[in-house]
Amino acid sequence: MKRSDEMIDMLVSSVRDDTSERDKAVLRRVLCELVRVAQSESVQSIEADLRAVDMAISSKYRQ
């Protein structure tokens, strides 16, 4: 499995040859931010799942 930075490097390097370094830098920043947001959403989803499991376990022991 490739790391996100490897995938970003691959995507940035695959743009047209006449793409400016500034545009490549912007693309890199946007992709890095996209990865950061996706990771944050993933963590939030996992935390919500863990809270749901914790509540289910807690309610089972209260009965």
Protein backbone atom coordinates (compact mmCIF):
# COMPACT_ATOMS: atom_id res chain seq x y z
CA MET A 1 0.00 0.00 0.00
CA LYS A 2 1.41 3.36 -1.00
CA ARG A 3 1.62 6.19 1.45
CA SER A 4 -0.34 9.36 0.78
CA ASP A 5 2.84 11.41 0.22
CA GLU A 6 3.95 8.92 -2.44
CA MET A 7 0.57 9.16 -4.15
CA ILE A 8 0.69 12.95 -4.02
CA ASP A 9 4.18 12.96 -5.54
CA MET A 10 2.95 10.65 -8.30
CA LEU A 11 -0.07 12.85 -9.04
CA VAL A 12 1.95 16.08 -9.06
CA SER A 13 4.59 14.56 -11.30
CA SER A 14 1.92 13.36 -13.74
CA VAL A 15 0.68 16.84 -14.67
CA ARG A 16 1.61 18.30 -18.02
CA ASP A 17 5.24 19.25 -18.55
CA ASP A 18 4.37 22.89 -19.12
CA THR A 19 2.67 23.21 -15.71
CA SER A 20 4.39 25.89 -13.67
CA GLU A 21 6.17 25.08 -10.43
CA ARG A 22 3.76 27.43 -8.69
CA ASP A 23 0.76 25.47 -9.98
CA LYS A 24 2.42 22.20 -8.95
CA ALA A 25 2.98 23.60 -5.47
CA VAL A 26 -0.68 24.64 -5.26
CA LEU A 27 -1.77 21.18 -6.37
CA ARG A 28 0.51 19.58 -3.77
CA ARG A 29 -0.92 21.79 -0.98
CA VAL A 30 -4.51 21.04 -2.02
CA LEU A 31 -3.86 17.29 -2.14
CA CYS A 32 -2.14 17.38 1.26
CA GLU A 33 -5.12 19.24 2.72
CA LEU A 34 -7.50 16.72 1.15
CA VAL A 35 -5.58 13.88 2.81
CA ARG A 36 -5.65 15.72 6.15
CA VAL A 37 -9.41 16.21 5.94
CA ALA A 38 -9.99 12.58 4.94
CA GLN A 39 -7.86 11.37 7.85
CA SER A 40 -9.77 13.60 10.24
CA GLU A 41 -13.09 12.28 8.96
CA SER A 42 -11.85 8.72 9.33
CA VAL A 43 -10.78 9.33 12.93
CA GLN A 44 -14.16 10.92 13.71
CA SER A 45 -15.95 7.92 12.24
CA ILE A 46 -13.86 5.49 14.28
CA GLU A 47 -14.46 7.52 17.44
CA ALA A 48 -18.22 7.50 16.79
CA ASP A 49 -18.14 3.73 16.27
CA LEU A 50 -16.24 3.26 19.54
CA ARG A 51 -18.74 5.46 21.41
CA ALA A 52 -21.60 3.39 20.00
CA VAL A 53 -19.93 0.16 21.09
CA ASP A 54 -19.22 1.60 24.52
CA MET A 55 -22.87 2.66 24.91
CA ALA A 56 -24.10 -0.75 23.78
CA ILE A 57 -21.82 -2.52 26.24
CA SER A 58 -22.75 -0.15 29.06
CA SER A 59 -26.48 -0.60 28.48
CA LYS A 60 -26.09 -4.38 28.39
CA TYR A 61 -24.41 -4.40 31.82
CA ARG A 62 -27.05 -2.07 33.29
CA GLN A 63 -29.85 -4.53 32.57
